[in-house]
């Protein structure tokens, strides 16, 4: 059995593992990345030449016999250097930004594609808000990594080494004084990195928790208000918000100690250079111009190190986000194709359960040794109390979950031997809780399938009586659908679900409580639609309203995961068993009404 999604999400990756994974997305764009790094080397070299030009001019001005032409030529050379520096910086930034956006696009695509392969059970164990955070916020953190941080870190490190080379060339003795501070820099950076990573992990985890809480409670706001639980939920959110605030405080504290310490080292380095450099100027070891250049190089030495502190901030955030993204990509779908699966070209419609046992949680059997056969073009109905296993059966037919024992066959082929996409393509599902996407009625029926024509949409809608209410709308098939279709009644959403299913030409159809919770205006339309749909192919219906399944070829009565009765409507009534009692209860209730 695969690891739980939550267990995988909580694991930690090393920096080396994360870097290797991040570099795999760079490989297709090696050429622009390499060119960008070459440009950075040139940019750093040009930047380092500047203070040396100034030192030559200062030394020349200190002479009694000033060479004006030499000064003018040096100034011109300096201006040309600055112009070239600006141009190359612009080209390098544009190239890196374009490449970075392509990489981020690929990562976002891969994460979404992989999420689509995950099993329903895995989505049930992880709040949707946490998954949304992975695709949005966490990937945005990587955006800075690819478009700025990596090259900036390389540039800053190159600058530090370049400064040492220039300083060593100009005055080796003075450079040695600055080297004494290097161990302190490395120790401070190592300690900062250790604490920063822990702080960033805590922040990202709590941001994810906040998003999950918001996603769930904004969706359930109507219920919160009905039961007057606003204060209770506010206090819950306040608690989570306080935890996030403390996590941010810890992150800020870590960074606020590191950067001032680095600035203190910079000031100390500048004092050392001025103190020793002044003595060297008096002794004639170096010129005043060289001392000025050294003060500029000290700034260029510590400025990259302070930049690295800021880059470490973004880098640690990016590594933490990268870790969370790869956790998603490494999650193995619990239901997936085997090696020798086949494509179904055409389905006759025979469905068979052979001694099927199934449990959502180990040992807690929801189905117990269930066996039945649905012949091609037959209609089978599932009846029973809530929790008896009806909805589980239809979920297993399309492999939303895999069974622990037994076999499920379509046309005498084990469904585990059939490619999942091929299996689901041949089966149409109409669920009780109809989900409509934001868009139009037409786009919800077609589901962006360009092979389905407007004529197909119209024909399917008329067939299931959805056209009856669509034509009354101001924009008809172009009528906008708000989030989850909340601008339509339950019955209207159900009719749209019927049309959506029919237009995709399934050979097997599944209806889960399709007539539950509908308004009276469209009840007759749905009943008529059901009669038409039953003639299309094999059908499995889960229903509480027994009046909708009286014409089913076979009715299976479920109780506590077992089949206790089966037969057609008349046979079950004559048997006067559990089905008979259910029918009498509904009939008597209807009479009373």
Protein backbone atom coordinates (compact mmCIF):
# COMPACT_ATOMS: atom_id res chain seq x y z
CA UNK A 1 0.00 0.00 0.00
CA UNK A 2 1.24 3.51 -0.84
CA UNK A 3 2.12 6.01 1.82
CA UNK A 4 -0.58 8.40 2.91
CA UNK A 5 -0.44 11.77 1.20
CA UNK A 6 -0.10 13.50 4.57
CA UNK A 7 2.86 11.32 5.48
CA UNK A 8 4.66 12.23 2.26
CA UNK A 9 3.92 15.92 2.70
CA UNK A 10 5.60 15.93 6.12
CA UNK A 11 8.91 14.49 4.96
CA UNK A 12 11.99 16.70 4.52
CA UNK A 13 14.47 16.86 1.63
CA UNK A 14 18.09 17.96 1.74
CA UNK A 15 19.29 21.04 -0.13
CA UNK A 16 21.28 18.82 -2.50
CA UNK A 17 18.20 16.77 -3.40
CA UNK A 18 16.15 19.91 -4.01
CA UNK A 19 18.87 21.54 -6.15
CA UNK A 20 19.21 18.42 -8.32
CA UNK A 21 15.45 18.33 -8.90
CA UNK A 22 15.31 22.06 -9.68
CA UNK A 23 18.16 21.73 -12.18
CA UNK A 24 16.23 19.12 -14.19
CA UNK A 25 13.88 21.91 -15.26
CA UNK A 26 16.84 24.03 -16.39
CA UNK A 27 18.28 21.42 -18.80
CA UNK A 28 16.01 22.30 -21.77
CA UNK A 29 17.18 25.93 -21.50
CA UNK A 30 20.91 25.43 -20.90
CA UNK A 31 22.01 27.69 -23.76
CA UNK A 32 20.35 30.94 -22.57
CA UNK A 33 21.25 30.11 -18.96
CA UNK A 34 24.93 29.59 -19.84
CA UNK A 35 24.97 32.81 -21.90
CA UNK A 36 23.40 34.62 -18.96
CA UNK A 37 26.11 33.38 -16.61
CA UNK A 38 28.84 34.40 -19.10
CA UNK A 39 27.34 37.88 -19.23
CA UNK A 40 27.41 38.00 -15.42
CA UNK A 41 31.15 37.27 -15.45
CA UNK A 42 31.69 40.14 -17.90
CA UNK A 43 29.43 42.44 -15.86
CA UNK A 44 31.35 41.72 -12.64
CA UNK A 45 34.66 42.34 -14.42
CA UNK A 46 33.47 45.69 -15.75
CA UNK A 47 32.14 46.68 -12.32
CA UNK A 48 35.46 45.90 -10.67
CA UNK A 49 37.43 48.05 -13.14
CA UNK A 50 35.56 51.23 -12.09
CA UNK A 51 37.31 51.97 -8.75
CA UNK A 52 40.70 51.31 -10.37
CA UNK A 53 39.98 53.97 -13.02
CA UNK A 54 39.06 56.44 -10.27
CA UNK A 55 42.24 55.63 -8.31
CA UNK A 56 44.39 56.40 -11.39
CA UNK A 57 42.63 59.76 -11.83
CA UNK A 58 43.11 60.63 -8.13
CA UNK A 59 46.79 59.72 -8.25
CA UNK A 60 47.22 61.78 -11.42
CA UNK A 61 45.54 64.79 -9.79
CA UNK A 62 47.92 64.56 -6.82
CA UNK A 63 50.93 65.05 -9.10
CA UNK A 64 52.46 68.47 -9.66
CA UNK A 65 52.52 67.89 -13.42
CA UNK A 66 48.96 66.83 -14.27
CA UNK A 67 48.45 65.03 -17.59
CA UNK A 68 45.03 66.33 -18.69
CA UNK A 69 44.82 64.13 -21.79
CA UNK A 70 45.43 61.01 -19.72
CA UNK A 71 42.65 61.98 -17.30
CA UNK A 72 40.22 62.65 -20.17
CA UNK A 73 41.00 59.29 -21.79
CA UNK A 74 40.49 57.47 -18.47
CA UNK A 75 37.17 59.26 -17.88
CA UNK A 76 36.03 58.35 -21.41
CA UNK A 77 37.09 54.74 -20.83
CA UNK A 78 35.18 54.75 -17.52
CA UNK A 79 32.03 56.15 -19.20
CA UNK A 80 32.25 53.54 -21.97
CA UNK A 81 32.66 50.85 -19.32
CA UNK A 82 29.55 52.08 -17.48
CA UNK A 83 27.56 52.19 -20.74
CA UNK A 84 28.59 48.64 -21.68
CA UNK A 85 27.84 47.53 -18.13
CA UNK A 86 24.30 48.94 -18.32
CA UNK A 87 23.64 47.37 -21.75
CA UNK A 88 24.90 43.90 -20.78
CA UNK A 89 22.96 44.02 -17.50
CA UNK A 90 19.77 44.79 -19.44
CA UNK A 91 20.35 41.97 -21.94
CA UNK A 92 21.19 39.50 -19.19
CA UNK A 93 18.09 40.37 -17.17
CA UNK A 94 15.73 40.08 -20.16
CA UNK A 95 17.21 36.73 -21.18
CA UNK A 96 17.00 35.38 -17.64
CA UNK A 97 13.42 36.58 -17.06
CA UNK A 98 12.13 35.01 -20.27
CA UNK A 99 13.89 31.72 -19.54
CA UNK A 100 12.72 31.74 -15.92
CA UNK A 101 9.08 32.21 -16.91
CA UNK A 102 9.30 29.25 -19.30
CA UNK A 103 10.69 27.08 -16.49
CA UNK A 104 7.98 28.19 -14.04
CA UNK A 105 5.32 27.47 -16.69
CA UNK A 106 6.65 23.91 -17.04
CA UNK A 107 6.69 23.34 -13.28
CA UNK A 108 3.14 24.64 -12.83
CA UNK A 109 1.99 22.46 -15.74
CA UNK A 110 3.64 19.35 -14.31
CA UNK A 111 2.20 19.88 -10.82
CA UNK A 112 -1.34 20.34 -12.14
CA UNK A 113 -1.04 17.37 -14.50
CA UNK A 114 0.20 15.18 -11.66
CA UNK A 115 -2.59 16.31 -9.36
CA UNK A 116 -5.07 15.15 -11.98
CA UNK A 117 -3.67 11.62 -11.70
CA UNK A 118 -4.10 11.41 -7.92
CA UNK A 119 -6.87 9.25 -6.54
CA UNK A 120 -10.07 10.51 -4.94
CA UNK A 121 -9.01 9.03 -1.59
CA UNK A 122 -5.83 11.10 -1.68
CA UNK A 123 -7.77 14.32 -2.31
CA UNK A 124 -10.10 13.39 0.55
CA UNK A 125 -7.15 13.28 2.97
CA UNK A 126 -5.67 16.66 2.07
CA UNK A 127 -7.52 20.00 2.37
CA UNK A 128 -7.94 21.58 -1.06
CA UNK A 129 -6.54 24.88 0.25
CA UNK A 130 -3.18 23.21 0.87
CA UNK A 131 -3.05 21.92 -2.70
CA UNK A 132 -3.97 25.35 -4.05
CA UNK A 133 -1.05 26.81 -2.07
CA UNK A 134 1.32 24.37 -3.75
CA UNK A 135 0.25 25.39 -7.26
CA UNK A 136 0.13 29.14 -6.61
CA UNK A 137 2.19 30.53 -3.72
CA UNK A 138 4.87 27.83 -3.62
CA UNK A 139 5.51 27.95 -7.37
CA UNK A 140 5.65 31.76 -7.24
CA UNK A 141 8.45 31.40 -4.68
CA UNK A 142 10.42 29.43 -7.27
CA UNK A 143 9.86 32.24 -9.77
CA UNK A 144 12.37 34.44 -7.93
CA UNK A 145 14.79 31.55 -7.71
CA UNK A 146 14.98 31.04 -11.47
CA UNK A 147 14.65 34.66 -12.56
CA UNK A 148 16.92 36.36 -10.07
CA UNK A 149 18.31 34.56 -7.03
CA UNK A 150 20.54 31.91 -8.64
CA UNK A 151 22.30 34.37 -10.94
CA UNK A 152 22.46 37.02 -8.20
CA UNK A 153 24.09 34.55 -5.81
CA UNK A 154 26.59 33.59 -8.53
CA UNK A 155 27.23 37.27 -9.24
CA UNK A 156 27.75 38.14 -5.56
CA UNK A 157 30.10 35.20 -4.96
CA UNK A 158 32.02 36.10 -8.13
CA UNK A 159 32.18 39.69 -6.94
CA UNK A 160 33.65 38.66 -3.58
CA UNK A 161 36.39 36.59 -5.23
CA UNK A 162 36.96 39.27 -7.89
CA UNK A 163 37.43 41.91 -5.19
CA UNK A 164 40.03 39.76 -3.46
CA UNK A 165 41.89 39.29 -6.73
CA UNK A 166 41.93 43.03 -7.46
CA UNK A 167 42.87 43.93 -3.88
CA UNK A 168 45.63 41.34 -3.81
CA UNK A 169 46.98 42.74 -7.06
CA UNK A 170 46.93 46.33 -5.77
CA UNK A 171 48.16 45.79 -2.16
CA UNK A 172 48.62 42.24 -0.82
CA UNK A 173 49.54 43.34 2.72
CA UNK A 174 46.39 45.45 3.10
CA UNK A 175 44.28 42.59 1.74
CA UNK A 176 45.50 40.26 4.50
CA UNK A 177 43.89 42.48 7.14
CA UNK A 178 40.52 42.00 5.49
CA UNK A 179 41.03 38.23 5.31
CA UNK A 180 40.96 38.08 9.11
CA UNK A 181 37.21 38.78 9.01
CA UNK A 182 36.39 35.95 6.58
CA UNK A 183 36.04 33.18 9.24
CA UNK A 184 33.49 35.32 11.12
CA UNK A 185 31.53 35.77 7.89
CA UNK A 186 31.40 32.02 7.21
CA UNK A 187 30.39 31.15 10.80
CA UNK A 188 27.59 33.76 10.81
CA UNK A 189 26.30 32.57 7.41
CA UNK A 190 26.30 28.92 8.48
CA UNK A 191 24.36 29.63 11.69
CA UNK A 192 21.90 31.88 9.83
CA UNK A 193 21.25 29.23 7.16
CA UNK A 194 20.53 26.58 9.78
CA UNK A 195 17.96 28.63 11.70
CA UNK A 196 16.45 30.32 8.63
CA UNK A 197 15.52 27.03 6.95
CA UNK A 198 13.65 25.87 10.05
CA UNK A 199 11.82 29.19 10.29
CA UNK A 200 10.79 29.16 6.61
CA UNK A 201 9.44 25.63 6.85
CA UNK A 202 7.27 26.65 9.78
CA UNK A 203 5.97 29.74 7.92
CA UNK A 204 5.06 27.80 4.77
CA UNK A 205 3.31 25.09 6.80
CA UNK A 206 1.18 27.64 8.66
CA UNK A 207 0.38 29.62 5.50
CA UNK A 208 -0.87 26.36 4.01
CA UNK A 209 -3.01 25.73 7.12
CA UNK A 210 -4.54 29.22 6.87
CA UNK A 211 -5.39 28.69 3.18
CA UNK A 212 -6.97 25.31 3.92
CA UNK A 213 -9.07 26.84 6.73
CA UNK A 214 -10.22 29.71 4.52
CA UNK A 215 -11.06 27.46 1.57
CA UNK A 216 -13.23 25.21 3.72
CA UNK A 217 -14.98 27.88 5.78
CA UNK A 218 -15.66 30.33 2.96
CA UNK A 219 -17.36 27.47 1.10
CA UNK A 220 -19.37 26.68 4.24
CA UNK A 221 -20.13 30.31 5.19
CA UNK A 222 -23.87 29.81 4.70
CA UNK A 223 -23.88 27.03 7.28
CA UNK A 224 -21.76 29.08 9.70
CA UNK A 225 -24.25 31.93 9.54
CA UNK A 226 -27.29 29.64 9.83
CA UNK A 227 -25.97 28.18 13.10
CA UNK A 228 -24.62 31.53 14.33
CA UNK A 229 -21.07 30.21 14.66
CA UNK A 230 -19.29 33.35 13.44
CA UNK A 231 -17.64 34.08 16.80
CA UNK A 232 -16.50 30.48 17.21
CA UNK A 233 -14.99 30.36 13.72
CA UNK A 234 -13.43 33.79 14.19
CA UNK A 235 -11.64 32.53 17.31
CA UNK A 236 -10.44 29.44 15.41
CA UNK A 237 -9.06 31.64 12.62
CA UNK A 238 -7.53 34.00 15.20
CA UNK A 239 -5.68 31.08 16.77
CA UNK A 240 -4.27 29.93 13.42
CA UNK A 241 -3.41 33.53 12.53
CA UNK A 242 -1.51 33.96 15.81
CA UNK A 243 0.50 30.81 15.11
CA UNK A 244 1.39 32.16 11.66
CA UNK A 245 2.33 35.53 13.14
CA UNK A 246 4.70 33.87 15.62
CA UNK A 247 6.25 31.88 12.78
CA UNK A 248 6.84 35.12 10.85
CA UNK A 249 8.34 36.73 13.97
CA UNK A 250 10.81 33.87 14.21
CA UNK A 251 11.72 34.32 10.54
CA UNK A 252 12.13 38.09 10.95
CA UNK A 253 14.22 37.67 14.10
CA UNK A 254 16.60 35.28 12.34
CA UNK A 255 17.15 37.69 9.47
CA UNK A 256 17.25 40.83 11.65
CA UNK A 257 20.19 39.45 13.63
CA UNK A 258 22.21 38.32 10.61
CA UNK A 259 22.15 41.45 8.47
CA UNK A 260 23.15 43.95 11.22
CA UNK A 261 25.99 41.61 12.21
CA UNK A 262 27.23 41.59 8.61
CA UNK A 263 26.99 45.39 8.51
CA UNK A 264 29.03 45.56 11.71
CA UNK A 265 31.72 43.42 10.06
CA UNK A 266 31.67 45.78 7.05
CA UNK A 267 32.25 48.82 9.27
CA UNK A 268 35.02 46.95 11.10
CA UNK A 269 36.64 46.04 7.78
CA UNK A 270 36.47 49.65 6.58
CA UNK A 271 38.07 50.89 9.83
CA UNK A 272 40.88 48.34 9.49
CA UNK A 273 41.54 49.32 5.87
CA UNK A 274 41.59 53.06 6.66
CA UNK A 275 43.75 52.53 9.75
CA UNK A 276 46.36 50.34 8.10
CA UNK A 277 45.98 51.95 4.66
CA UNK A 278 46.77 55.42 6.00
CA UNK A 279 49.99 54.09 7.48
CA UNK A 280 50.88 52.39 4.19
CA UNK A 281 50.25 55.67 2.30
CA UNK A 282 52.56 57.54 4.70
CA UNK A 283 55.18 54.82 4.26
CA UNK A 284 54.82 55.06 0.47
CA UNK A 285 53.74 51.41 0.13
CA UNK A 286 50.53 52.48 -1.65
CA UNK A 287 49.18 55.71 -3.11
CA UNK A 288 46.18 57.67 -1.84
CA UNK A 289 44.31 56.66 -5.01
CA UNK A 290 44.87 52.97 -4.22
CA UNK A 291 43.60 53.53 -0.66
CA UNK A 292 40.44 55.14 -2.10
CA UNK A 293 40.04 52.17 -4.46
CA UNK A 294 40.40 49.85 -1.45
CA UNK A 295 37.56 51.61 0.39
CA UNK A 296 35.40 51.09 -2.71
CA UNK A 297 36.42 47.45 -2.93
CA UNK A 298 35.62 46.90 0.75
CA UNK A 299 32.12 48.13 -0.02
CA UNK A 300 32.00 45.82 -3.06
CA UNK A 301 33.19 42.98 -0.85
CA UNK A 302 30.62 43.38 1.92
CA UNK A 303 27.73 44.56 -0.24
CA UNK A 304 27.51 41.18 -2.03
CA UNK A 305 27.71 39.43 1.34
CA UNK A 306 24.82 41.54 2.63
CA UNK A 307 23.02 40.81 -0.64
CA UNK A 308 23.66 37.13 -0.03
CA UNK A 309 21.83 37.53 3.27
CA UNK A 310 18.79 38.80 1.39
CA UNK A 311 19.28 36.14 -1.28
CA UNK A 312 19.53 33.49 1.45
CA UNK A 313 16.14 34.71 2.61
CA UNK A 314 14.58 34.12 -0.83
CA UNK A 315 16.70 31.02 -1.41
CA UNK A 316 15.49 29.32 1.76
CA UNK A 317 11.90 30.21 0.92
CA UNK A 318 12.39 28.81 -2.57
CA UNK A 319 13.98 25.60 -1.26
CA UNK A 320 11.13 25.15 1.20
CA UNK A 321 8.58 25.72 -1.56
CA UNK A 322 10.52 23.45 -3.91
CA UNK A 323 10.46 20.76 -1.25
CA UNK A 324 6.68 21.06 -0.96
CA UNK A 325 6.20 21.02 -4.74
CA UNK A 326 8.33 17.90 -5.20
CA UNK A 327 6.39 16.25 -2.38
CA UNK A 328 3.31 16.56 -4.61
CA UNK A 329 5.16 15.32 -7.70
CA UNK A 330 6.54 12.36 -5.72
CA UNK A 331 3.11 11.32 -4.47
CA UNK A 332 2.24 8.04 -6.16
CA UNK A 333 -1.42 7.72 -7.24
CA UNK A 334 -3.10 4.97 -5.25
CA UNK A 335 -5.09 3.93 -8.34
CA UNK A 336 -3.01 3.71 -11.50
CA UNK A 337 -2.64 1.71 -14.69
CA UNK A 338 -0.80 -1.60 -14.63
CA UNK A 339 1.88 -2.41 -17.20
CA UNK A 340 -0.27 -4.55 -19.53
CA UNK A 341 -3.48 -2.49 -19.70
CA UNK A 342 -5.61 -2.37 -22.83
CA UNK A 343 -7.70 0.28 -24.57
CA UNK A 344 -11.43 -0.34 -24.87
CA UNK A 345 -12.61 0.39 -28.38
CA UNK A 346 -16.25 -0.50 -27.84
CA UNK A 347 -18.20 -1.60 -24.78
CA UNK A 348 -21.20 -3.95 -24.91
CA UNK A 349 -22.10 -3.00 -21.33
CA UNK A 350 -21.87 -6.16 -19.25
CA UNK A 351 -20.85 -5.42 -15.65
CA UNK A 352 -19.97 -8.12 -13.16
CA UNK A 353 -18.93 -8.05 -9.50
CA UNK A 354 -17.30 -11.29 -8.30
CA UNK A 355 -16.98 -11.71 -4.53
CA UNK A 356 -15.95 -8.10 -4.04
CA UNK A 357 -14.63 -6.94 -0.67
CA UNK A 358 -13.75 -3.29 -0.11
CA UNK A 359 -12.76 -1.06 2.81
CA UNK A 360 -11.82 2.63 2.88
CA UNK A 361 -9.90 1.96 6.09
CA UNK A 362 -8.13 -1.32 6.68
CA UNK A 363 -10.39 -3.90 8.36
CA UNK A 364 -13.54 -1.73 8.19
CA UNK A 365 -15.35 -3.52 5.36
CA UNK A 366 -17.86 -1.41 3.46
CA UNK A 367 -18.62 -4.16 0.93
CA UNK A 368 -18.61 -7.81 1.99
CA UNK A 369 -18.50 -10.53 -0.65
CA UNK A 370 -20.73 -8.66 -3.14
CA UNK A 371 -21.55 -10.47 -6.40
CA UNK A 372 -23.97 -9.52 -9.20
CA UNK A 373 -24.19 -9.31 -12.99
CA UNK A 374 -25.69 -6.55 -15.14
CA UNK A 375 -26.27 -7.69 -18.71
CA UNK A 376 -25.76 -5.35 -21.71
CA UNK A 377 -28.52 -2.71 -22.04
CA UNK A 378 -30.05 -3.70 -18.71
CA UNK A 379 -30.89 -1.22 -15.94
CA UNK A 380 -29.86 -2.18 -12.42
CA UNK A 381 -30.91 -0.21 -9.36
CA UNK A 382 -29.22 -0.11 -5.95
CA UNK A 383 -31.43 0.49 -2.92
CA UNK A 384 -30.63 0.62 0.78
CA UNK A 385 -30.04 2.77 3.81
CA UNK A 386 -27.31 5.38 3.96
CA UNK A 387 -23.96 3.67 4.48
CA UNK A 388 -25.08 0.36 3.00
CA UNK A 389 -22.49 0.56 0.19
CA UNK A 390 -24.52 1.79 -2.80
CA UNK A 391 -22.37 4.78 -3.73
CA UNK A 392 -19.23 2.75 -3.04
CA UNK A 393 -20.25 0.24 -5.72
CA UNK A 394 -20.53 2.87 -8.44
CA UNK A 395 -17.24 4.45 -7.34
CA UNK A 396 -15.54 1.09 -7.78
CA UNK A 397 -16.91 0.59 -11.30
CA UNK A 398 -14.92 3.62 -12.54
CA UNK A 399 -11.91 2.81 -10.32
CA UNK A 400 -12.09 5.83 -8.06
CA UNK A 401 -10.82 3.24 -5.58
CA UNK A 402 -9.33 -0.25 -5.95
CA UNK A 403 -10.89 -3.25 -4.23
CA UNK A 404 -8.99 -5.40 -1.73
CA UNK A 405 -10.50 -8.76 -2.73
CA UNK A 406 -12.54 -10.13 -5.64
CA UNK A 407 -12.96 -8.94 -9.23
CA UNK A 408 -14.89 -6.31 -11.16
CA UNK A 409 -15.31 -7.01 -14.86
CA UNK A 410 -16.56 -5.01 -17.84
CA UNK A 411 -17.44 -7.26 -20.78
CA UNK A 412 -15.64 -10.09 -18.95
CA UNK A 413 -12.41 -8.06 -18.70
CA UNK A 414 -11.00 -7.21 -15.26
CA UNK A 415 -11.14 -3.41 -14.99
CA UNK A 416 -7.57 -3.42 -13.62
CA UNK A 417 -6.50 -4.63 -17.07
CA UNK A 418 -8.22 -1.68 -18.74
CA UNK A 419 -6.54 1.72 -19.10
CA UNK A 420 -8.22 4.06 -16.59
CA UNK A 421 -8.80 6.87 -19.10
CA UNK A 422 -10.33 4.39 -21.57
CA UNK A 423 -12.59 2.90 -18.87
CA UNK A 424 -13.90 6.27 -17.69
CA UNK A 425 -14.36 7.50 -21.25
CA UNK A 426 -16.93 4.75 -21.84
CA UNK A 427 -18.85 5.42 -18.62
CA UNK A 428 -21.05 8.45 -18.02
CA UNK A 429 -21.71 9.52 -14.44
CA UNK A 430 -24.53 11.72 -13.17
CA UNK A 431 -23.99 12.50 -9.52
CA UNK A 432 -26.36 13.81 -6.87
CA UNK A 433 -24.16 16.81 -6.12
CA UNK A 434 -23.82 18.23 -9.62
CA UNK A 435 -20.66 20.28 -10.08
CA UNK A 436 -20.77 23.10 -12.61
CA UNK A 437 -17.69 25.09 -13.58
CA UNK A 438 -17.56 28.85 -13.97
CA UNK A 439 -18.25 29.68 -17.60
CA UNK A 440 -21.38 29.24 -19.69
CA UNK A 441 -24.04 26.55 -19.98
CA UNK A 442 -22.57 25.54 -23.33
CA UNK A 443 -19.03 25.17 -21.96
CA UNK A 444 -20.31 23.11 -19.02
CA UNK A 445 -22.14 20.68 -21.32
CA UNK A 446 -19.26 20.44 -23.78
CA UNK A 447 -16.50 20.51 -21.12
CA UNK A 448 -14.20 22.28 -23.60
CA UNK A 449 -14.29 19.28 -25.96
CA UNK A 450 -13.88 20.88 -29.39
CA UNK A 451 -15.05 17.71 -31.17
CA UNK A 452 -18.55 18.33 -29.77
CA UNK A 453 -20.49 20.71 -32.01
CA UNK A 454 -23.16 23.25 -31.08
CA UNK A 455 -25.65 20.97 -32.78
CA UNK A 456 -24.58 18.09 -30.51
CA UNK A 457 -25.07 20.28 -27.43
CA UNK A 458 -28.52 21.37 -28.58
CA UNK A 459 -29.56 17.83 -29.49
CA UNK A 460 -28.45 16.40 -26.11
CA UNK A 461 -30.17 19.21 -24.21
CA UNK A 462 -33.45 18.64 -26.04
CA UNK A 463 -33.20 14.89 -25.50
CA UNK A 464 -33.01 15.26 -21.70
CA UNK A 465 -35.44 18.24 -21.55
CA UNK A 466 -32.75 20.70 -20.41
CA UNK A 467 -33.53 22.88 -23.46
CA UNK A 468 -36.94 23.58 -21.87
CA UNK A 469 -35.49 25.89 -19.20
CA UNK A 470 -32.37 26.99 -21.13
CA UNK A 471 -34.48 28.69 -23.79
CA UNK A 472 -36.15 30.79 -21.08
CA UNK A 473 -32.81 32.28 -19.97
CA UNK A 474 -31.77 35.72 -21.32
CA UNK A 475 -28.57 34.42 -22.97
CA UNK A 476 -29.79 30.84 -23.46
CA UNK A 477 -26.74 28.55 -23.95
CA UNK A 478 -24.38 31.50 -23.39
CA UNK A 479 -25.88 32.17 -19.96
CA UNK A 480 -23.08 32.61 -17.44
CA UNK A 481 -22.69 29.97 -14.74
CA UNK A 482 -21.54 31.33 -11.39
CA UNK A 483 -19.32 29.36 -9.02
CA UNK A 484 -20.63 25.80 -8.57
CA UNK A 485 -23.74 26.77 -10.56
CA UNK A 486 -25.42 28.48 -7.62
CA UNK A 487 -27.55 30.61 -9.95
CA UNK A 488 -29.49 27.48 -11.00
CA UNK A 489 -31.86 25.24 -9.05
CA UNK A 490 -30.95 21.67 -8.10
CA UNK A 491 -33.23 20.31 -10.81
CA UNK A 492 -31.76 22.57 -13.48
CA UNK A 493 -28.24 21.55 -12.53
CA UNK A 494 -29.31 17.90 -12.74
CA UNK A 495 -30.73 18.37 -16.24
CA UNK A 496 -27.47 20.01 -17.32
CA UNK A 497 -25.63 17.02 -15.87
CA UNK A 498 -27.85 14.70 -17.97
CA UNK A 499 -27.08 16.70 -21.11
CA UNK A 500 -23.35 16.75 -20.32
CA UNK A 501 -23.32 12.98 -19.96
CA UNK A 502 -25.41 12.22 -23.07
CA UNK A 503 -23.37 14.51 -25.35
CA UNK A 504 -20.23 12.45 -24.61
CA UNK A 505 -21.95 9.23 -25.85
CA UNK A 506 -21.25 6.83 -22.95
CA UNK A 507 -21.99 3.12 -23.35
CA UNK A 508 -22.55 2.65 -19.62
CA UNK A 509 -24.33 5.17 -17.42
CA UNK A 510 -24.31 5.65 -13.67
CA UNK A 511 -26.87 7.75 -11.78
CA UNK A 512 -26.23 8.49 -8.11
CA UNK A 513 -29.36 9.86 -6.42
CA UNK A 514 -30.16 11.78 -9.60
CA UNK A 515 -33.69 12.61 -8.42
CA UNK A 516 -32.82 13.64 -4.86
CA UNK A 517 -33.36 17.20 -3.62
CA UNK A 518 -34.97 18.49 -6.80
CA UNK A 519 -37.58 21.20 -7.11
CA UNK A 520 -41.12 20.32 -8.18
CA UNK A 521 -40.92 22.49 -11.32
CA UNK A 522 -38.41 20.19 -12.99
CA UNK A 523 -39.28 16.87 -11.32
CA UNK A 524 -41.49 15.74 -14.22
CA UNK A 525 -38.83 16.76 -16.74
CA UNK A 526 -36.23 14.67 -14.91
CA UNK A 527 -38.55 11.67 -14.70
CA UNK A 528 -39.16 11.85 -18.44
CA UNK A 529 -35.42 12.26 -19.09
CA UNK A 530 -34.67 9.17 -17.01
CA UNK A 531 -37.01 7.06 -19.11
CA UNK A 532 -35.23 8.17 -22.28
CA UNK A 533 -31.74 7.63 -20.82
CA UNK A 534 -32.62 4.09 -19.73
CA UNK A 535 -32.98 3.12 -23.39
CA UNK A 536 -29.45 4.19 -24.37
CA UNK A 537 -27.36 1.41 -22.79
CA UNK A 538 -26.43 -0.33 -19.57
CA UNK A 539 -27.36 1.70 -16.52
CA UNK A 540 -26.75 1.53 -12.78
CA UNK A 541 -29.01 3.72 -10.64
CA UNK A 542 -28.65 4.56 -6.97
CA UNK A 543 -31.99 5.86 -5.73
CA UNK A 544 -33.97 6.57 -2.58
CA UNK A 545 -37.17 7.29 -4.51
CA UNK A 546 -38.36 3.82 -5.42
CA UNK A 547 -40.85 5.28 -7.91
CA UNK A 548 -37.95 6.11 -10.25
CA UNK A 549 -36.67 2.51 -10.47
CA UNK A 550 -39.87 0.48 -10.88
CA UNK A 551 -38.95 -0.28 -14.51
CA UNK A 552 -35.41 -1.44 -13.67
CA UNK A 553 -34.53 -4.95 -14.89
CA UNK A 554 -32.90 -5.81 -11.57
CA UNK A 555 -33.09 -4.12 -8.16
CA UNK A 556 -30.44 -4.95 -5.58
CA UNK A 557 -31.20 -4.20 -1.93
CA UNK A 558 -28.09 -3.46 0.16
CA UNK A 559 -27.71 -3.60 3.94
CA UNK A 560 -24.43 -3.12 5.82
CA UNK A 561 -22.33 -3.90 2.77
CA UNK A 562 -24.17 -7.06 1.73
CA UNK A 563 -26.82 -7.90 -0.85
CA UNK A 564 -29.92 -9.05 1.03
CA UNK A 565 -32.44 -9.08 -1.83
CA UNK A 566 -32.54 -8.75 -5.59
CA UNK A 567 -35.11 -9.02 -8.37
CA UNK A 568 -37.43 -6.74 -10.34
CA UNK A 569 -39.99 -4.46 -8.72
CA UNK A 570 -42.88 -6.92 -8.81
CA UNK A 571 -40.78 -9.87 -7.61
CA UNK A 572 -39.50 -7.92 -4.62
CA UNK A 573 -42.96 -6.71 -3.68
CA UNK A 574 -44.28 -10.28 -3.77
CA UNK A 575 -41.41 -11.43 -1.54
CA UNK A 576 -42.57 -8.89 1.08
CA UNK A 577 -39.04 -8.43 2.41
CA UNK A 578 -36.94 -5.35 3.07
CA UNK A 579 -37.74 -3.74 -0.30
CA UNK A 580 -41.46 -4.22 0.34
CA UNK A 581 -41.14 -2.42 3.67
CA UNK A 582 -39.25 0.49 2.08
CA UNK A 583 -41.87 0.78 -0.65
CA UNK A 584 -44.73 0.77 1.85
CA UNK A 585 -43.04 3.47 3.92
CA UNK A 586 -42.61 5.74 0.89
CA UNK A 587 -46.09 4.99 -0.45
CA UNK A 588 -47.77 5.72 2.91
CA UNK A 589 -45.77 8.94 3.25
CA UNK A 590 -46.83 10.04 -0.23
CA UNK A 591 -50.49 9.32 0.59
CA UNK A 592 -50.23 11.39 3.78
CA UNK A 593 -48.77 14.28 1.82
